[in-house]
Amino acid sequence: MPDFTEGPGPGGKPKVLCIACRFFYITYEPALPYGCRAMNFKSRQMPSQVVFANSGLKCQAFQGK
């Protein structure tokens, strides 16, 4: 299975492409357009960026579509 990451993210670590994850969805709410069903939240940024900013770790819930 391919590794769904794009170039180096913060700190040189690869970042997860949420769009390739089965838990990612578009909310259609202008204030919070992106969501993650695995972690049950919505945000203005891609969920993997929010997870990295808060924990310092690459998203552990990623599952390819």
N, C-alpha and C. Protein backbone atom coordinates (compact mmCIF):
# COMPACT_ATOMS: atom_id res chain seq x y z
N MET A 1 0.85 -1.18 0.00
CA MET A 1 0.00 0.00 0.00
C MET A 1 0.89 1.24 0.00
N PRO A 2 0.58 2.20 -0.83
CA PRO A 2 1.41 3.41 -0.88
C PRO A 2 1.32 4.22 0.40
N ASP A 3 2.37 4.97 0.64
CA ASP A 3 2.42 5.85 1.80
C ASP A 3 1.84 7.19 1.37
N PHE A 4 0.69 7.57 1.89
CA PHE A 4 0.02 8.80 1.48
C PHE A 4 0.55 10.00 2.24
N THR A 5 1.75 10.40 1.89
CA THR A 5 2.34 11.58 2.50
C THR A 5 2.79 12.50 1.40
N GLU A 6 2.94 13.74 1.72
CA GLU A 6 3.49 14.70 0.78
C GLU A 6 4.73 15.28 1.42
N GLY A 7 5.65 15.77 0.63
CA GLY A 7 6.90 16.36 1.07
C GLY A 7 7.05 16.58 2.56
N PRO A 8 8.20 17.01 2.98
CA PRO A 8 8.43 17.20 4.40
C PRO A 8 7.55 18.28 4.99
N GLY A 9 7.02 17.98 6.14
CA GLY A 9 6.22 18.94 6.87
C GLY A 9 7.09 19.64 7.90
N PRO A 10 6.48 20.20 8.93
CA PRO A 10 7.24 20.87 9.97
C PRO A 10 8.25 19.93 10.63
N GLY A 11 9.44 20.39 10.83
CA GLY A 11 10.48 19.56 11.44
C GLY A 11 11.03 18.50 10.51
N GLY A 12 10.74 18.59 9.22
CA GLY A 12 11.27 17.63 8.26
C GLY A 12 10.52 16.31 8.24
N LYS A 13 9.44 16.16 9.03
CA LYS A 13 8.67 14.93 9.06
C LYS A 13 7.60 14.98 7.97
N PRO A 14 7.31 13.85 7.32
CA PRO A 14 6.28 13.86 6.28
C PRO A 14 4.91 14.13 6.88
N LYS A 15 4.05 14.81 6.14
CA LYS A 15 2.71 15.06 6.65
C LYS A 15 1.71 14.18 5.91
N VAL A 16 0.67 13.80 6.59
CA VAL A 16 -0.35 12.92 6.05
C VAL A 16 -1.27 13.70 5.12
N LEU A 17 -1.67 13.09 4.03
CA LEU A 17 -2.64 13.70 3.12
C LEU A 17 -4.04 13.28 3.57
N CYS A 18 -4.72 14.15 4.26
CA CYS A 18 -6.05 13.83 4.78
C CYS A 18 -7.00 13.40 3.67
N ILE A 19 -6.85 14.00 2.52
CA ILE A 19 -7.78 13.72 1.44
C ILE A 19 -7.75 12.25 1.00
N ALA A 20 -6.68 11.55 1.32
CA ALA A 20 -6.57 10.13 0.99
C ALA A 20 -7.03 9.23 2.14
N CYS A 21 -7.52 9.82 3.22
CA CYS A 21 -7.93 9.06 4.41
C CYS A 21 -9.43 8.78 4.38
N ARG A 22 -9.82 7.61 4.84
CA ARG A 22 -11.23 7.25 4.84
C ARG A 22 -12.04 8.04 5.86
N PHE A 23 -11.41 8.66 6.85
CA PHE A 23 -12.11 9.40 7.89
C PHE A 23 -12.29 10.89 7.56
N PHE A 24 -11.63 11.38 6.53
CA PHE A 24 -11.69 12.78 6.15
C PHE A 24 -13.02 13.08 5.46
N TYR A 25 -13.59 14.25 5.75
CA TYR A 25 -14.80 14.67 5.03
C TYR A 25 -14.86 16.19 4.95
N ILE A 26 -15.64 16.68 3.99
CA ILE A 26 -15.90 18.11 3.81
C ILE A 26 -17.21 18.41 4.52
N THR A 27 -17.21 19.41 5.41
CA THR A 27 -18.40 19.70 6.20
C THR A 27 -19.38 20.64 5.51
N TYR A 28 -18.91 21.43 4.58
CA TYR A 28 -19.71 22.45 3.91
C TYR A 28 -20.14 23.56 4.86
N GLU A 29 -19.48 23.68 6.00
CA GLU A 29 -19.67 24.82 6.90
C GLU A 29 -18.53 25.79 6.62
N PRO A 30 -18.82 27.01 6.19
CA PRO A 30 -17.75 27.94 5.83
C PRO A 30 -16.73 28.18 6.95
N ALA A 31 -17.15 28.19 8.19
CA ALA A 31 -16.22 28.44 9.29
C ALA A 31 -15.34 27.24 9.61
N LEU A 32 -15.85 26.04 9.39
CA LEU A 32 -15.11 24.80 9.70
C LEU A 32 -15.27 23.82 8.53
N PRO A 33 -14.51 24.01 7.46
CA PRO A 33 -14.76 23.24 6.25
C PRO A 33 -14.25 21.79 6.23
N TYR A 34 -13.34 21.41 7.12
CA TYR A 34 -12.76 20.07 7.08
C TYR A 34 -13.07 19.31 8.36
N GLY A 35 -13.28 18.00 8.24
CA GLY A 35 -13.59 17.20 9.42
C GLY A 35 -12.88 15.87 9.41
N CYS A 36 -12.79 15.28 10.60
CA CYS A 36 -12.20 13.95 10.78
C CYS A 36 -13.18 13.12 11.59
N ARG A 37 -13.67 12.04 11.00
CA ARG A 37 -14.62 11.18 11.70
C ARG A 37 -13.93 10.33 12.76
N ALA A 38 -12.68 9.99 12.57
CA ALA A 38 -11.95 9.16 13.54
C ALA A 38 -11.75 9.90 14.86
N MET A 39 -11.45 11.19 14.78
CA MET A 39 -11.18 11.96 15.99
C MET A 39 -12.34 12.88 16.35
N ASN A 40 -13.37 12.85 15.53
CA ASN A 40 -14.62 13.56 15.79
C ASN A 40 -14.42 15.06 16.03
N PHE A 41 -13.82 15.75 15.03
CA PHE A 41 -13.73 17.20 15.11
C PHE A 41 -13.75 17.81 13.73
N LYS A 42 -14.05 19.11 13.69
CA LYS A 42 -14.05 19.92 12.47
C LYS A 42 -13.06 21.05 12.68
N SER A 43 -12.47 21.55 11.59
CA SER A 43 -11.49 22.63 11.73
C SER A 43 -11.37 23.44 10.45
N ARG A 44 -10.67 24.57 10.57
CA ARG A 44 -10.37 25.41 9.41
C ARG A 44 -9.19 24.85 8.63
N GLN A 45 -8.31 24.12 9.31
CA GLN A 45 -7.13 23.52 8.68
C GLN A 45 -7.40 22.05 8.43
N MET A 46 -6.53 21.45 7.62
CA MET A 46 -6.62 20.01 7.41
C MET A 46 -6.43 19.33 8.76
N PRO A 47 -7.22 18.30 9.07
CA PRO A 47 -7.14 17.64 10.36
C PRO A 47 -5.74 17.16 10.74
N SER A 48 -4.97 16.66 9.78
CA SER A 48 -3.61 16.18 10.12
C SER A 48 -2.73 17.33 10.61
N GLN A 49 -2.94 18.54 10.12
CA GLN A 49 -2.17 19.69 10.58
C GLN A 49 -2.55 20.05 12.01
N VAL A 50 -3.84 19.94 12.34
CA VAL A 50 -4.31 20.23 13.70
C VAL A 50 -3.74 19.19 14.67
N VAL A 51 -3.77 17.93 14.27
CA VAL A 51 -3.23 16.86 15.12
C VAL A 51 -1.75 17.09 15.37
N PHE A 52 -0.99 17.41 14.32
CA PHE A 52 0.45 17.63 14.49
C PHE A 52 0.72 18.84 15.38
N ALA A 53 -0.04 19.91 15.20
CA ALA A 53 0.17 21.12 16.00
C ALA A 53 -0.11 20.87 17.49
N ASN A 54 -1.08 20.01 17.78
CA ASN A 54 -1.45 19.77 19.17
C ASN A 54 -0.66 18.66 19.85
N SER A 55 -0.20 17.67 19.08
CA SER A 55 0.48 16.53 19.70
C SER A 55 1.95 16.41 19.31
N GLY A 56 2.32 17.01 18.17
CA GLY A 56 3.69 16.87 17.69
C GLY A 56 3.91 15.55 16.96
N LEU A 57 2.84 14.78 16.76
CA LEU A 57 2.93 13.49 16.09
C LEU A 57 2.14 13.49 14.79
N LYS A 58 2.58 12.68 13.85
CA LYS A 58 1.83 12.46 12.63
C LYS A 58 0.53 11.75 13.00
N CYS A 59 -0.54 12.01 12.29
CA CYS A 59 -1.85 11.42 12.60
C CYS A 59 -1.75 9.91 12.69
N GLN A 60 -2.21 9.36 13.80
CA GLN A 60 -2.17 7.91 14.04
C GLN A 60 -3.43 7.20 13.56
N ALA A 61 -4.47 7.95 13.18
CA ALA A 61 -5.73 7.36 12.78
C ALA A 61 -5.84 7.16 11.26
N PHE A 62 -4.82 7.55 10.51
CA PHE A 62 -4.89 7.49 9.05
C PHE A 62 -5.15 6.06 8.56
N GLN A 63 -6.14 5.93 7.68
CA GLN A 63 -6.41 4.70 6.96
C GLN A 63 -6.73 5.08 5.53
N GLY A 64 -6.03 4.51 4.59
CA GLY A 64 -6.26 4.82 3.18
C GLY A 64 -7.66 4.42 2.72
N LYS A 65 -8.15 5.13 1.73
CA LYS A 65 -9.48 4.83 1.19
C LYS A 65 -9.47 3.54 0.41
